[in-house]
C-alpha atoms as a PDB file:
ATOM      1  CA  UNK A   1       1.382  42.392   7.838  1.00  0.00           C
ATOM      2  CA  UNK A   2       0.655  38.775   7.973  1.00  0.00           C
ATOM      3  CA  UNK A   3      -0.530  37.925   4.595  1.00  0.00           C
ATOM      4  CA  UNK A   4      -3.766  35.279   4.673  1.00  0.00           C
ATOM      5  CA  UNK A   5      -4.061  32.086   2.617  1.00  0.00           C
ATOM      6  CA  UNK A   6      -6.513  34.034  -0.101  1.00  0.00           C
ATOM      7  CA  UNK A   7      -3.795  36.689  -0.741  1.00  0.00           C
ATOM      8  CA  UNK A   8      -0.584  34.410  -0.791  1.00  0.00           C
ATOM      9  CA  UNK A   9      -2.460  32.225  -3.734  1.00  0.00           C
ATOM     10  CA  UNK A  10      -2.991  35.273  -5.464  1.00  0.00           C
ATOM     11  CA  UNK A  11       0.886  36.099  -5.128  1.00  0.00           C
ATOM     12  CA  UNK A  12       1.299  32.702  -6.271  1.00  0.00           C
ATOM     13  CA  UNK A  13      -0.386  32.385  -8.970  1.00  0.00           C
ATOM     14  CA  UNK A  14       1.025  35.658 -10.426  1.00  0.00           C
ATOM     15  CA  UNK A  15       4.265  34.343  -9.900  1.00  0.00           C
ATOM     16  CA  UNK A  16       3.776  31.241 -11.936  1.00  0.00           C
ATOM     17  CA  UNK A  17       1.578  32.769 -15.320  1.00  0.00           C
ATOM     18  CA  UNK A  18       3.262  36.547 -15.016  1.00  0.00           C
ATOM     19  CA  UNK A  19       0.415  37.637 -16.613  1.00  0.00           C
ATOM     20  CA  UNK A  20      -2.467  39.458 -14.575  1.00  0.00           C
ATOM     21  CA  UNK A  21      -5.266  37.740 -17.376  1.00  0.00           C
ATOM     22  CA  UNK A  22      -3.629  34.107 -17.084  1.00  0.00           C
ATOM     23  CA  UNK A  23      -3.176  34.499 -13.132  1.00  0.00           C
ATOM     24  CA  UNK A  24      -7.317  35.649 -12.886  1.00  0.00           C
ATOM     25  CA  UNK A  25      -8.419  32.709 -15.250  1.00  0.00           C
ATOM     26  CA  UNK A  26      -6.729  30.012 -12.774  1.00  0.00           C
ATOM     27  CA  UNK A  27      -7.673  31.736  -9.870  1.00  0.00           C
ATOM     28  CA  UNK A  28     -11.754  32.085 -11.143  1.00  0.00           C
ATOM     29  CA  UNK A  29     -11.729  35.384 -10.841  1.00  0.00           C
ATOM     30  CA  UNK A  30     -11.533  38.795 -12.812  1.00  0.00           C
ATOM     31  CA  UNK A  31      -8.047  40.229 -13.722  1.00  0.00           C
ATOM     32  CA  UNK A  32      -9.546  43.948 -12.296  1.00  0.00           C
ATOM     33  CA  UNK A  33      -9.996  42.266  -9.108  1.00  0.00           C
ATOM     34  CA  UNK A  34      -6.592  40.253  -8.742  1.00  0.00           C
ATOM     35  CA  UNK A  35      -4.995  43.225 -10.188  1.00  0.00           C
ATOM     36  CA  UNK A  36      -7.005  45.428  -7.229  1.00  0.00           C
ATOM     37  CA  UNK A  37      -5.934  42.205  -4.707  1.00  0.00           C
ATOM     38  CA  UNK A  38      -2.240  42.288  -5.375  1.00  0.00           C
ATOM     39  CA  UNK A  39      -2.187  46.364  -4.759  1.00  0.00           C
ATOM     40  CA  UNK A  40      -4.060  46.031  -1.665  1.00  0.00           C
ATOM     41  CA  UNK A  41      -0.915  43.321  -0.499  1.00  0.00           C
ATOM     42  CA  UNK A  42       1.607  45.564  -1.962  1.00  0.00           C
ATOM     43  CA  UNK A  43       0.034  48.724   0.059  1.00  0.00           C
ATOM     44  CA  UNK A  44      -0.462  46.408   3.741  1.00  0.00           C
ATOM     45  CA  UNK A  45       3.688  44.865   3.193  1.00  0.00           C
ATOM     46  CA  UNK A  46       4.537  48.632   2.374  1.00  0.00           C
ATOM     47  CA  UNK A  47       6.802  47.519  -0.636  1.00  0.00           C
ATOM     48  CA  UNK A  48       6.683  46.543  -4.038  1.00  0.00           C
ATOM     49  CA  UNK A  49       6.025  42.609  -4.904  1.00  0.00           C
ATOM     50  CA  UNK A  50       5.546  42.869  -8.278  1.00  0.00           C
ATOM     51  CA  UNK A  51       7.334  44.743 -10.987  1.00  0.00           C
ATOM     52  CA  UNK A  52       5.453  45.845 -14.104  1.00  0.00           C
ATOM     53  CA  UNK A  53       6.252  46.321 -17.690  1.00  0.00           C
ATOM     54  CA  UNK A  54       4.608  46.077 -21.195  1.00  0.00           C
ATOM     55  CA  UNK A  55       6.628  42.604 -20.946  1.00  0.00           C
ATOM     56  CA  UNK A  56       4.493  40.890 -18.575  1.00  0.00           C
ATOM     57  CA  UNK A  57       5.113  40.660 -14.608  1.00  0.00           C
ATOM     58  CA  UNK A  58       8.227  39.399 -12.206  1.00  0.00           C
ATOM     59  CA  UNK A  59       8.688  39.519  -8.739  1.00  0.00           C
ATOM     60  CA  UNK A  60      11.106  41.974  -7.092  1.00  0.00           C
ATOM     61  CA  UNK A  61      13.316  40.606  -3.862  1.00  0.00           C
ATOM     62  CA  UNK A  62      10.131  41.075  -1.883  1.00  0.00           C
ATOM     63  CA  UNK A  63       8.202  38.987  -4.772  1.00  0.00           C
ATOM     64  CA  UNK A  64      10.520  36.591  -4.260  1.00  0.00           C
ATOM     65  CA  UNK A  65      10.460  35.765  -0.414  1.00  0.00           C
ATOM     66  CA  UNK A  66       6.819  35.444  -0.377  1.00  0.00           C
ATOM     67  CA  UNK A  67       6.808  32.974  -3.178  1.00  0.00           C
ATOM     68  CA  UNK A  68       9.793  30.851  -1.307  1.00  0.00           C
ATOM     69  CA  UNK A  69       7.510  30.264   1.799  1.00  0.00           C
ATOM     70  CA  UNK A  70       4.243  30.262   0.013  1.00  0.00           C
ATOM     71  CA  UNK A  71       4.519  26.427  -1.085  1.00  0.00           C
ATOM     72  CA  UNK A  72       4.725  25.670   2.639  1.00  0.00           C
ATOM     73  CA  UNK A  73       1.634  27.482   4.239  1.00  0.00           C
ATOM     74  CA  UNK A  74      -0.397  26.592   1.214  1.00  0.00           C
ATOM     75  CA  UNK A  75       0.299  22.843   2.014  1.00  0.00           C
ATOM     76  CA  UNK A  76      -0.236  23.474   5.729  1.00  0.00           C
ATOM     77  CA  UNK A  77      -3.019  25.301   5.071  1.00  0.00           C
ATOM     78  CA  UNK A  78      -4.948  22.646   2.897  1.00  0.00           C
ATOM     79  CA  UNK A  79      -4.058  19.873   5.590  1.00  0.00           C
ATOM     80  CA  UNK A  80      -5.587  21.959   8.095  1.00  0.00           C
ATOM     81  CA  UNK A  81      -9.129  22.162   5.908  1.00  0.00           C
ATOM     82  CA  UNK A  82      -8.953  18.886   5.210  1.00  0.00           C
ATOM     83  CA  UNK A  83      -8.479  17.541   8.754  1.00  0.00           C
ATOM     84  CA  UNK A  84     -11.847  19.995   9.288  1.00  0.00           C
ATOM     85  CA  UNK A  85     -14.163  18.289   6.313  1.00  0.00           C
ATOM     86  CA  UNK A  86     -13.358  15.084   7.783  1.00  0.00           C
ATOM     87  CA  UNK A  87     -14.134  16.223  11.169  1.00  0.00           C
ATOM     88  CA  UNK A  88     -17.020  17.237   9.802  1.00  0.00           C
ATOM     89  CA  UNK A  89     -17.795  14.398   7.911  1.00  0.00           C
ATOM     90  CA  UNK A  90     -18.048  16.299   4.188  1.00  0.00           C
ATOM     91  CA  UNK A  91     -15.061  13.694   3.419  1.00  0.00           C
ATOM     92  CA  UNK A  92     -16.627  10.489   5.083  1.00  0.00           C
ATOM     93  CA  UNK A  93     -18.085   9.043   1.992  1.00  0.00           C
ATOM     94  CA  UNK A  94     -14.170   8.645   0.313  1.00  0.00           C
ATOM     95  CA  UNK A  95     -11.727   5.545   1.311  1.00  0.00           C
ATOM     96  CA  UNK A  96      -8.472   5.347  -0.363  1.00  0.00           C
ATOM     97  CA  UNK A  97      -6.627   1.584   0.982  1.00  0.00           C
ATOM     98  CA  UNK A  98      -3.997  -0.091  -0.244  1.00  0.00           C
ATOM     99  CA  UNK A  99      -3.571  -3.583  -0.095  1.00  0.00           C
ATOM    100  CA  UNK A 100      -1.061  -6.381  -0.112  1.00  0.00           C
ATOM    101  CA  UNK A 101      -1.122  -9.252  -2.805  1.00  0.00           C
ATOM    102  CA  UNK A 102      -2.028 -11.845   0.197  1.00  0.00           C
ATOM    103  CA  UNK A 103      -4.223  -9.579   2.270  1.00  0.00           C
ATOM    104  CA  UNK A 104      -6.281  -8.005  -1.240  1.00  0.00           C
ATOM    105  CA  UNK A 105      -6.804 -11.618  -2.154  1.00  0.00           C
ATOM    106  CA  UNK A 106      -7.947 -12.958   1.536  1.00  0.00           C
ATOM    107  CA  UNK A 107      -9.733 -10.363   2.765  1.00  0.00           C
ATOM    108  CA  UNK A 108      -9.330  -7.197   1.239  1.00  0.00           C
ATOM    109  CA  UNK A 109     -11.020  -7.623  -1.917  1.00  0.00           C
ATOM    110  CA  UNK A 110     -13.998  -9.599   0.358  1.00  0.00           C
ATOM    111  CA  UNK A 111     -14.785  -6.740   2.474  1.00  0.00           C
ATOM    112  CA  UNK A 112     -14.628  -4.114  -0.744  1.00  0.00           C
ATOM    113  CA  UNK A 113     -17.637  -5.932  -1.714  1.00  0.00           C
ATOM    114  CA  UNK A 114     -19.475  -6.680   1.462  1.00  0.00           C
ATOM    115  CA  UNK A 115     -18.907  -2.611   1.948  1.00  0.00           C
ATOM    116  CA  UNK A 116     -20.185  -1.796  -1.650  1.00  0.00           C
ATOM    117  CA  UNK A 117     -23.479  -3.638  -1.158  1.00  0.00           C
ATOM    118  CA  UNK A 118     -24.486  -2.621   2.341  1.00  0.00           C
ATOM    119  CA  UNK A 119     -23.289   0.906   1.818  1.00  0.00           C
ATOM    120  CA  UNK A 120     -23.377   1.891  -1.904  1.00  0.00           C
ATOM    121  CA  UNK A 121     -22.938   5.777  -1.237  1.00  0.00           C
ATOM    122  CA  UNK A 122     -19.317   5.073   0.422  1.00  0.00           C
ATOM    123  CA  UNK A 123     -16.572   5.459  -2.318  1.00  0.00           C
ATOM    124  CA  UNK A 124     -13.759   3.220  -2.111  1.00  0.00           C
ATOM    125  CA  UNK A 125     -10.309   3.262  -3.906  1.00  0.00           C
ATOM    126  CA  UNK A 126      -8.270   0.321  -3.756  1.00  0.00           C
ATOM    127  CA  UNK A 127      -4.377   0.176  -4.901  1.00  0.00           C
ATOM    128  CA  UNK A 128      -2.626  -2.831  -5.331  1.00  0.00           C
ATOM    129  CA  UNK A 129       1.404  -2.738  -4.193  1.00  0.00           C
ATOM    130  CA  UNK A 130       4.071  -4.368  -1.945  1.00  0.00           C
ATOM    131  CA  UNK A 131       4.183  -3.770   1.499  1.00  0.00           C
ATOM    132  CA  UNK A 132       6.764  -1.525   1.403  1.00  0.00           C
ATOM    133  CA  UNK A 133       5.283   1.549  -0.898  1.00  0.00           C
ATOM    134  CA  UNK A 134       2.259   1.127   0.494  1.00  0.00           C
ATOM    135  CA  UNK A 135       3.547   1.807   4.231  1.00  0.00           C
ATOM    136  CA  UNK A 136       5.017   4.586   2.618  1.00  0.00           C
ATOM    137  CA  UNK A 137       1.811   5.900   1.336  1.00  0.00           C
ATOM    138  CA  UNK A 138       0.145   5.771   4.627  1.00  0.00           C
ATOM    139  CA  UNK A 139       3.097   7.848   5.895  1.00  0.00           C
ATOM    140  CA  UNK A 140       2.851  10.625   3.887  1.00  0.00           C
ATOM    141  CA  UNK A 141      -1.088  10.824   3.415  1.00  0.00           C
ATOM    142  CA  UNK A 142      -1.877   9.255   0.240  1.00  0.00           C
ATOM    143  CA  UNK A 143      -3.570   6.477   1.566  1.00  0.00           C
ATOM    144  CA  UNK A 144      -5.789   6.769   4.327  1.00  0.00           C
ATOM    145  CA  UNK A 145      -4.999   2.988   5.441  1.00  0.00           C
ATOM    146  CA  UNK A 146      -3.162  -0.240   4.155  1.00  0.00           C
ATOM    147  CA  UNK A 147      -3.822  -3.890   4.823  1.00  0.00           C
ATOM    148  CA  UNK A 148       0.045  -5.309   4.490  1.00  0.00           C
ATOM    149  CA  UNK A 149       2.990  -7.013   6.136  1.00  0.00           C
ATOM    150  CA  UNK A 150       3.714  -4.649   9.616  1.00  0.00           C
ATOM    151  CA  UNK A 151       7.122  -5.211  10.221  1.00  0.00           C
ATOM    152  CA  UNK A 152       8.623  -2.269   9.145  1.00  0.00           C
ATOM    153  CA  UNK A 153       5.359  -0.097   9.935  1.00  0.00           C
ATOM    154  CA  UNK A 154       5.662  -1.163  13.620  1.00  0.00           C
ATOM    155  CA  UNK A 155       8.488   0.709  13.652  1.00  0.00           C
ATOM    156  CA  UNK A 156       7.721   3.760  12.660  1.00  0.00           C
ATOM    157  CA  UNK A 157       6.061   5.830  15.019  1.00  0.00           C
ATOM    158  CA  UNK A 158       4.159   8.587  13.123  1.00  0.00           C
ATOM    159  CA  UNK A 159       2.181   4.941  12.450  1.00  0.00           C
ATOM    160  CA  UNK A 160      -0.097   2.516  14.143  1.00  0.00           C
ATOM    161  CA  UNK A 161       0.124  -1.360  13.235  1.00  0.00           C
ATOM    162  CA  UNK A 162      -2.638  -3.500  14.423  1.00  0.00           C
ATOM    163  CA  UNK A 163      -1.754  -6.965  13.438  1.00  0.00           C
ATOM    164  CA  UNK A 164      -5.348  -8.774  12.170  1.00  0.00           C
ATOM    165  CA  UNK A 165      -3.208 -11.565   9.851  1.00  0.00           C
ATOM    166  CA  UNK A 166      -1.371 -14.567  11.290  1.00  0.00           C
ATOM    167  CA  UNK A 167      -2.363 -17.634   9.092  1.00  0.00           C
ATOM    168  CA  UNK A 168      -0.149 -20.308   8.316  1.00  0.00           C
ATOM    169  CA  UNK A 169       0.454 -21.746   4.904  1.00  0.00           C
ATOM    170  CA  UNK A 170       2.288 -24.250   3.167  1.00  0.00           C
ATOM    171  CA  UNK A 171       4.755 -24.533   0.514  1.00  0.00           C
ATOM    172  CA  UNK A 172       4.043 -26.442  -3.060  1.00  0.00           C
ATOM    173  CA  UNK A 173       4.921 -27.217  -6.358  1.00  0.00           C
ATOM    174  CA  UNK A 174       3.536 -28.452  -9.737  1.00  0.00           C
ATOM    175  CA  UNK A 175       2.207 -31.925  -9.391  1.00  0.00           C
ATOM    176  CA  UNK A 176       5.347 -34.049 -10.876  1.00  0.00           C
ATOM    177  CA  UNK A 177       7.680 -31.415  -9.611  1.00  0.00           C
ATOM    178  CA  UNK A 178      11.420 -33.191  -8.999  1.00  0.00           C
ATOM    179  CA  UNK A 179      11.328 -32.633  -5.890  1.00  0.00           C
ATOM    180  CA  UNK A 180       8.281 -35.336  -5.119  1.00  0.00           C
ATOM    181  CA  UNK A 181      10.934 -38.234  -6.148  1.00  0.00           C
ATOM    182  CA  UNK A 182      12.486 -37.769  -2.830  1.00  0.00           C
ATOM    183  CA  UNK A 183      11.046 -40.699  -0.801  1.00  0.00           C
ATOM    184  CA  UNK A 184      10.795 -38.104   2.636  1.00  0.00           C
ATOM    185  CA  UNK A 185      11.527 -34.429   1.153  1.00  0.00           C
ATOM    186  CA  UNK A 186      12.613 -31.772   3.791  1.00  0.00           C
ATOM    187  CA  UNK A 187      12.477 -28.178   3.941  1.00  0.00           C
ATOM    188  CA  UNK A 188      16.999 -28.048   2.799  1.00  0.00           C
ATOM    189  CA  UNK A 189      15.402 -29.752  -0.118  1.00  0.00           C
ATOM    190  CA  UNK A 190      13.499 -26.434  -1.265  1.00  0.00           C
ATOM    191  CA  UNK A 191      16.851 -24.564  -1.211  1.00  0.00           C
ATOM    192  CA  UNK A 192      17.971 -26.691  -4.558  1.00  0.00           C
ATOM    193  CA  UNK A 193      15.267 -25.081  -6.462  1.00  0.00           C
ATOM    194  CA  UNK A 194      14.460 -21.600  -7.258  1.00  0.00           C
ATOM    195  CA  UNK A 195      11.645 -19.828  -5.435  1.00  0.00           C
ATOM    196  CA  UNK A 196       8.518 -17.910  -6.938  1.00  0.00           C
ATOM    197  CA  UNK A 197       6.782 -15.182  -4.640  1.00  0.00           C
ATOM    198  CA  UNK A 198       6.807 -11.608  -2.703  1.00  0.00           C
ATOM    199  CA  UNK A 199       9.683 -10.187  -1.482  1.00  0.00           C
ATOM    200  CA  UNK A 200       9.922 -11.801   2.228  1.00  0.00           C
ATOM    201  CA  UNK A 201      11.157  -9.176   5.312  1.00  0.00           C
ATOM    202  CA  UNK A 202      14.387  -9.874   6.646  1.00  0.00           C
ATOM    203  CA  UNK A 203      13.112 -11.731   9.441  1.00  0.00           C
ATOM    204  CA  UNK A 204      12.605 -14.742   7.127  1.00  0.00           C
ATOM    205  CA  UNK A 205      16.004 -14.360   5.080  1.00  0.00           C
ATOM    206  CA  UNK A 206      17.896 -16.839   7.903  1.00  0.00           C
ATOM    207  CA  UNK A 207      16.098 -19.679   7.036  1.00  0.00           C
ATOM    208  CA  UNK A 208      16.885 -19.621   2.818  1.00  0.00           C
ATOM    209  CA  UNK A 209      20.170 -18.122   3.289  1.00  0.00           C
ATOM    210  CA  UNK A 210      22.603 -15.244   1.484  1.00  0.00           C
ATOM    211  CA  UNK A 211      22.468 -17.030  -1.432  1.00  0.00           C
ATOM    212  CA  UNK A 212      20.969 -19.868  -2.898  1.00  0.00           C
ATOM    213  CA  UNK A 213      18.816 -20.887  -6.186  1.00  0.00           C
ATOM    214  CA  UNK A 214      15.674 -19.932  -4.118  1.00  0.00           C
ATOM    215  CA  UNK A 215      16.753 -16.885  -4.041  1.00  0.00           C
ATOM    216  CA  UNK A 216      18.905 -13.824  -2.327  1.00  0.00           C
ATOM    217  CA  UNK A 217      18.985 -11.257  -0.118  1.00  0.00           C
ATOM    218  CA  UNK A 218      19.235  -8.193  -0.904  1.00  0.00           C
ATOM    219  CA  UNK A 219      21.926  -6.480   0.652  1.00  0.00           C
ATOM    220  CA  UNK A 220      20.648  -2.775   0.906  1.00  0.00           C
ATOM    221  CA  UNK A 221      17.179  -3.576   2.242  1.00  0.00           C
ATOM    222  CA  UNK A 222      17.599  -7.110   4.300  1.00  0.00           C
ATOM    223  CA  UNK A 223      14.979  -8.515   1.884  1.00  0.00           C
ATOM    224  CA  UNK A 224      14.854 -11.860   0.707  1.00  0.00           C
ATOM    225  CA  UNK A 225      13.833 -11.659  -3.188  1.00  0.00           C
ATOM    226  CA  UNK A 226      12.928 -15.329  -4.781  1.00  0.00           C
ATOM    227  CA  UNK A 227      14.608 -16.147  -7.585  1.00  0.00           C
ATOM    228  CA  UNK A 228      11.185 -15.157  -9.347  1.00  0.00           C
ATOM    229  CA  UNK A 229      10.010 -12.043  -7.633  1.00  0.00           C
ATOM    230  CA  UNK A 230       6.471 -11.209  -8.454  1.00  0.00           C
ATOM    231  CA  UNK A 231       4.026  -8.932  -7.643  1.00  0.00           C
ATOM    232  CA  UNK A 232       0.471 -11.115  -6.945  1.00  0.00           C
ATOM    233  CA  UNK A 233      -0.484 -14.306  -6.384  1.00  0.00           C
ATOM    234  CA  UNK A 234      -1.798 -15.278 -10.094  1.00  0.00           C
ATOM    235  CA  UNK A 235       1.186 -14.491 -11.273  1.00  0.00           C
ATOM    236  CA  UNK A 236       3.219 -16.372  -8.508  1.00  0.00           C
ATOM    237  CA  UNK A 237       0.875 -19.372  -9.718  1.00  0.00           C
ATOM    238  CA  UNK A 238       1.773 -19.169 -13.523  1.00  0.00           C
ATOM    239  CA  UNK A 239       5.317 -19.462 -12.414  1.00  0.00           C
ATOM    240  CA  UNK A 240       4.996 -22.524 -10.250  1.00  0.00           C
ATOM    241  CA  UNK A 241       2.688 -24.347 -13.336  1.00  0.00           C
ATOM    242  CA  UNK A 242       5.124 -23.877 -16.311  1.00  0.00           C
ATOM    243  CA  UNK A 243       8.704 -24.129 -13.837  1.00  0.00           C
ATOM    244  CA  UNK A 244      10.568 -25.855 -11.095  1.00  0.00           C
ATOM    245  CA  UNK A 245       9.632 -23.054  -8.587  1.00  0.00           C
ATOM    246  CA  UNK A 246       8.355 -23.664  -5.399  1.00  0.00           C
ATOM    247  CA  UNK A 247       6.512 -21.299  -3.506  1.00  0.00           C
ATOM    248  CA  UNK A 248       4.582 -20.413   0.065  1.00  0.00           C
ATOM    249  CA  UNK A 249       0.398 -19.386   0.243  1.00  0.00           C
ATOM    250  CA  UNK A 250      -1.805 -19.520   3.165  1.00  0.00           C
ATOM    251  CA  UNK A 251      -3.531 -22.729   2.275  1.00  0.00           C
ATOM    252  CA  UNK A 252      -7.381 -21.294   1.993  1.00  0.00           C
ATOM    253  CA  UNK A 253      -5.303 -19.773  -1.801  1.00  0.00           C
ATOM    254  CA  UNK A 254      -4.603 -23.108  -3.654  1.00  0.00           C
ATOM    255  CA  UNK A 255      -7.260 -25.726  -2.021  1.00  0.00           C
ATOM    256  CA  UNK A 256      -8.429 -26.036  -5.581  1.00  0.00           C
ATOM    257  CA  UNK A 257      -5.194 -26.332  -7.131  1.00  0.00           C
ATOM    258  CA  UNK A 258      -4.320 -29.398  -4.574  1.00  0.00           C
ATOM    259  CA  UNK A 259      -7.762 -30.562  -4.806  1.00  0.00           C
ATOM    260  CA  UNK A 260      -7.258 -31.014  -8.441  1.00  0.00           C
ATOM    261  CA  UNK A 261      -3.780 -32.717  -8.478  1.00  0.00           C
ATOM    262  CA  UNK A 262      -2.076 -29.639 -10.349  1.00  0.00           C
ATOM    263  CA  UNK A 263       0.014 -28.753  -6.894  1.00  0.00           C
ATOM    264  CA  UNK A 264       1.131 -30.586  -4.196  1.00  0.00           C
ATOM    265  CA  UNK A 265       1.087 -29.158  -0.766  1.00  0.00           C
ATOM    266  CA  UNK A 266       4.983 -30.307   0.647  1.00  0.00           C
ATOM    267  CA  UNK A 267       4.890 -32.016   4.132  1.00  0.00           C
ATOM    268  CA  UNK A 268       7.600 -29.115   5.620  1.00  0.00           C
ATOM    269  CA  UNK A 269       5.541 -26.888   7.915  1.00  0.00           C
ATOM    270  CA  UNK A 270       8.126 -24.322   9.886  1.00  0.00           C
ATOM    271  CA  UNK A 271       6.800 -22.204  12.638  1.00  0.00           C
ATOM    272  CA  UNK A 272       8.006 -19.175  11.103  1.00  0.00           C
ATOM    273  CA  UNK A 273       6.387 -19.320   7.917  1.00  0.00           C
ATOM    274  CA  UNK A 274       3.189 -17.675   8.199  1.00  0.00           C
ATOM    275  CA  UNK A 275       1.727 -14.300   7.359  1.00  0.00           C
ATOM    276  CA  UNK A 276       2.499 -11.027   9.351  1.00  0.00           C
ATOM    277  CA  UNK A 277       0.026  -8.312   8.199  1.00  0.00           C
ATOM    278  CA  UNK A 278      -2.509  -5.728   9.521  1.00  0.00           C
ATOM    279  CA  UNK A 279      -4.212  -2.962   9.372  1.00  0.00           C
ATOM    280  CA  UNK A 280      -1.570   0.521   8.670  1.00  0.00           C
ATOM    281  CA  UNK A 281      -2.727   3.996   9.172  1.00  0.00           C
ATOM    282  CA  UNK A 282      -1.047   7.323  10.725  1.00  0.00           C
ATOM    283  CA  UNK A 283      -1.236   7.413  14.818  1.00  0.00           C
ATOM    284  CA  UNK A 284      -2.437  11.134  14.656  1.00  0.00           C
ATOM    285  CA  UNK A 285      -5.011  10.648  12.038  1.00  0.00           C
ATOM    286  CA  UNK A 286      -8.956  10.377  13.299  1.00  0.00           C
ATOM    287  CA  UNK A 287     -11.152   7.692  12.344  1.00  0.00           C
ATOM    288  CA  UNK A 288     -13.336   8.769   9.775  1.00  0.00           C
ATOM    289  CA  UNK A 289     -16.920   6.816   9.651  1.00  0.00           C
ATOM    290  CA  UNK A 290     -16.400   5.669   6.063  1.00  0.00           C
ATOM    291  CA  UNK A 291     -12.997   4.118   7.183  1.00  0.00           C
ATOM    292  CA  UNK A 292     -14.415   2.216  10.075  1.00  0.00           C
ATOM    293  CA  UNK A 293     -16.624   0.706   8.583  1.00  0.00           C
ATOM    294  CA  UNK A 294     -14.452  -0.650   6.216  1.00  0.00           C
ATOM    295  CA  UNK A 295     -11.839  -1.938   8.871  1.00  0.00           C
ATOM    296  CA  UNK A 296     -15.188  -3.597  10.449  1.00  0.00           C
ATOM    297  CA  UNK A 297     -15.637  -5.508   7.678  1.00  0.00           C
ATOM    298  CA  UNK A 298     -11.997  -6.304   7.063  1.00  0.00           C
ATOM    299  CA  UNK A 299     -12.180  -7.826  10.664  1.00  0.00           C
ATOM    300  CA  UNK A 300     -14.989  -9.431  10.231  1.00  0.00           C
ATOM    301  CA  UNK A 301     -13.592 -11.464   7.064  1.00  0.00           C
ATOM    302  CA  UNK A 302     -10.486 -12.207   8.931  1.00  0.00           C
ATOM    303  CA  UNK A 303     -12.111 -13.436  11.680  1.00  0.00           C
ATOM    304  CA  UNK A 304     -13.961 -15.886   9.018  1.00  0.00           C
ATOM    305  CA  UNK A 305     -11.110 -17.430   7.404  1.00  0.00           C
ATOM    306  CA  UNK A 306      -9.398 -17.568  10.547  1.00  0.00           C
ATOM    307  CA  UNK A 307     -12.332 -20.348  11.511  1.00  0.00           C
ATOM    308  CA  UNK A 308     -12.607 -21.879   8.569  1.00  0.00           C
ATOM    309  CA  UNK A 309      -8.739 -22.056   7.755  1.00  0.00           C
ATOM    310  CA  UNK A 310      -8.095 -25.767   6.288  1.00  0.00           C
ATOM    311  CA  UNK A 311      -4.650 -26.233   9.041  1.00  0.00           C
ATOM    312  CA  UNK A 312      -7.195 -26.095  11.709  1.00  0.00           C
ATOM    313  CA  UNK A 313      -9.556 -28.535  10.275  1.00  0.00           C
ATOM    314  CA  UNK A 314      -6.470 -30.935   9.343  1.00  0.00           C
ATOM    315  CA  UNK A 315      -5.587 -33.913  11.647  1.00  0.00           C
ATOM    316  CA  UNK A 316      -3.570 -35.690   9.365  1.00  0.00           C
ATOM    317  CA  UNK A 317      -0.177 -34.991   7.471  1.00  0.00           C
ATOM    318  CA  UNK A 318      -0.856 -33.722   4.412  1.00  0.00           C
ATOM    319  CA  UNK A 319      -0.268 -36.364   0.844  1.00  0.00           C
ATOM    320  CA  UNK A 320       2.581 -35.865  -0.989  1.00  0.00           C
ATOM    321  CA  UNK A 321       1.952 -37.003  -4.721  1.00  0.00           C
ATOM    322  CA  UNK A 322       5.074 -38.252  -6.737  1.00  0.00           C
ATOM    323  CA  UNK A 323       5.808 -38.418 -10.403  1.00  0.00           C
ATOM    324  CA  UNK A 324       3.871 -40.888 -12.030  1.00  0.00           C
ATOM    325  CA  UNK A 325       1.706 -41.619  -9.479  1.00  0.00           C
ATOM    326  CA  UNK A 326      -2.079 -41.314  -9.564  1.00  0.00           C
ATOM    327  CA  UNK A 327      -4.212 -38.841  -7.688  1.00  0.00           C
END
């Protein structure tokens, strides 16, 4: 005789509280109803599942066996019910989104604002984090989607990784930085100074070396860890303003600072220094109307950024402002 999910929940509640009254309260039913249910379960199984005494309730060896497998059964049932609700549209109004720092600044925040204006009934839960943790959260179902670096996600069979952001950028430093005293600084000169930024994928580590003032390669993960490892674009900018650190960012994120003279875009533009982020989601999960609507907004913003990118309009070399020169 197999137990249904309702019966399993009753056994789990009684096994947890070891008291009919408290277990019944947690289930939202009466104590007599729970007692009747447990007796019916024991008759069906033809074994005693719980021992009753004046000191309380305790599971028998048969009860322990039921409890051991109950958690998996309930989780599986909840996942099935969740999928049914999504397919019926009952949860179509909620989207759980994770965003990496660059993606958040470039497109996700703008897409979220547009979504709120155009579809005020939809609910958006936005989580900011590093690309490794966001990928794990999509994989375990905590997030419906993440917009972040896709290098790792592309290697996971259970995940779908759609590349949408290949924006170029520039290395930059504060005005008056010692590096600007060199007549023609090259990329190797950068390695003599600390860098500020996010953990970089292993594909970029060889360009910085395993160990230098710029940062180091983490032996466990293979990631390049800048000397000032930060988790947001704003914090990265603060570090650059107050130290001799050098950072990299998509040009659109430092346009104002370069224009007002507080930052200087450096003259080297290696082809490997670009973003490689996209849409990460479970390959086996159906697309809900709410998620589809949000991703349409993200793709639209990304297209606008690509068209308006300063690198597309730039037809000349960036001017390097040296210490003591006039802006």
